[in-house]
Amino acid sequence: MIRINLLTVTDVSKKLHIGKTNTYKLFNKKDFPKIVIGKKLLIREDDLEKYIDKYVKGIIRL
């Protein structure tokens, strides 16, 4: 069985040590790999780590 760890806005906010307002701004970026289920915003933990790696390497600008 494959386990996919999904993070909520609150989870991402805590993980990145940023406020919820900035987290929502991140989720609203076109290139952010979010999953929308109804009104719930989610991201796979692996996708968040890849996104951060690209940011650190300078491929993505916030």
C-alpha atoms as a PDB file:
ATOM      1  CA  MET A   1       0.000   0.000   0.000  1.00  0.00           C
ATOM      2  CA  ILE A   2       1.349   3.409  -1.000  1.00  0.00           C
ATOM      3  CA  ARG A   3       1.066   6.093   1.656  1.00  0.00           C
ATOM      4  CA  ILE A   4       0.771   9.705   0.544  1.00  0.00           C
ATOM      5  CA  ASN A   5       1.284  12.327   3.221  1.00  0.00           C
ATOM      6  CA  LEU A   6      -0.894  15.372   2.515  1.00  0.00           C
ATOM      7  CA  LEU A   7      -0.292  18.654   4.303  1.00  0.00           C
ATOM      8  CA  THR A   8      -2.889  21.335   5.035  1.00  0.00           C
ATOM      9  CA  VAL A   9      -2.309  25.092   5.041  1.00  0.00           C
ATOM     10  CA  THR A  10      -1.760  24.911   8.802  1.00  0.00           C
ATOM     11  CA  ASP A  11       0.757  22.070   8.400  1.00  0.00           C
ATOM     12  CA  VAL A  12       2.726  23.991   5.758  1.00  0.00           C
ATOM     13  CA  SER A  13       2.628  27.153   7.857  1.00  0.00           C
ATOM     14  CA  LYS A  14       4.121  25.324  10.834  1.00  0.00           C
ATOM     15  CA  LYS A  15       6.644  23.424   8.751  1.00  0.00           C
ATOM     16  CA  LEU A  16       7.954  26.573   7.035  1.00  0.00           C
ATOM     17  CA  HIS A  17       7.609  28.793  10.121  1.00  0.00           C
ATOM     18  CA  ILE A  18       5.552  31.384   8.250  1.00  0.00           C
ATOM     19  CA  GLY A  19       2.168  32.907   8.944  1.00  0.00           C
ATOM     20  CA  LYS A  20      -1.055  31.634   7.426  1.00  0.00           C
ATOM     21  CA  THR A  21      -1.441  34.735   5.250  1.00  0.00           C
ATOM     22  CA  ASN A  22       1.879  34.039   3.538  1.00  0.00           C
ATOM     23  CA  THR A  23       1.039  30.350   3.342  1.00  0.00           C
ATOM     24  CA  TYR A  24      -2.212  31.159   1.516  1.00  0.00           C
ATOM     25  CA  LYS A  25      -0.249  33.415  -0.848  1.00  0.00           C
ATOM     26  CA  LEU A  26       2.049  30.474  -1.561  1.00  0.00           C
ATOM     27  CA  PHE A  27      -0.906  28.149  -2.194  1.00  0.00           C
ATOM     28  CA  ASN A  28      -2.378  30.714  -4.608  1.00  0.00           C
ATOM     29  CA  LYS A  29       0.721  30.821  -6.805  1.00  0.00           C
ATOM     30  CA  LYS A  30       0.131  29.218 -10.225  1.00  0.00           C
ATOM     31  CA  ASP A  31       3.275  27.078 -10.061  1.00  0.00           C
ATOM     32  CA  PHE A  32       2.581  25.747  -6.556  1.00  0.00           C
ATOM     33  CA  PRO A  33       1.625  22.037  -6.817  1.00  0.00           C
ATOM     34  CA  LYS A  34      -1.503  22.153  -4.662  1.00  0.00           C
ATOM     35  CA  ILE A  35      -4.461  19.802  -4.506  1.00  0.00           C
ATOM     36  CA  VAL A  36      -7.887  21.378  -4.095  1.00  0.00           C
ATOM     37  CA  ILE A  37     -10.693  19.246  -2.678  1.00  0.00           C
ATOM     38  CA  GLY A  38     -13.777  21.387  -2.263  1.00  0.00           C
ATOM     39  CA  LYS A  39     -12.489  24.359  -0.274  1.00  0.00           C
ATOM     40  CA  LYS A  40      -9.617  22.417   1.279  1.00  0.00           C
ATOM     41  CA  LEU A  41      -6.086  23.208   0.074  1.00  0.00           C
ATOM     42  CA  LEU A  42      -3.543  20.416   0.342  1.00  0.00           C
ATOM     43  CA  ILE A  43      -0.086  19.563  -0.925  1.00  0.00           C
ATOM     44  CA  ARG A  44       1.829  16.319  -0.924  1.00  0.00           C
ATOM     45  CA  GLU A  45       4.763  16.531   1.470  1.00  0.00           C
ATOM     46  CA  ASP A  46       7.119  15.313  -1.282  1.00  0.00           C
ATOM     47  CA  ASP A  47       5.878  18.056  -3.636  1.00  0.00           C
ATOM     48  CA  LEU A  48       6.456  20.722  -0.988  1.00  0.00           C
ATOM     49  CA  GLU A  49      10.023  19.512  -0.472  1.00  0.00           C
ATOM     50  CA  LYS A  50      10.657  19.548  -4.253  1.00  0.00           C
ATOM     51  CA  TYR A  51       9.189  23.052  -4.504  1.00  0.00           C
ATOM     52  CA  ILE A  52      11.461  24.276  -1.693  1.00  0.00           C
ATOM     53  CA  ASP A  53      14.489  22.633  -3.355  1.00  0.00           C
ATOM     54  CA  LYS A  54      13.712  24.507  -6.589  1.00  0.00           C
ATOM     55  CA  TYR A  55      13.367  27.754  -4.641  1.00  0.00           C
ATOM     56  CA  VAL A  56      16.703  27.226  -2.888  1.00  0.00           C
ATOM     57  CA  LYS A  57      18.365  26.515  -6.251  1.00  0.00           C
ATOM     58  CA  GLY A  58      16.923  29.751  -7.650  1.00  0.00           C
ATOM     59  CA  ILE A  59      14.614  28.120 -10.195  1.00  0.00           C
ATOM     60  CA  ILE A  60      11.492  29.559  -8.538  1.00  0.00           C
ATOM     61  CA  ARG A  61      11.092  33.103  -7.233  1.00  0.00           C
ATOM     62  CA  LEU A  62       8.573  33.933  -4.526  1.00  0.00           C
END
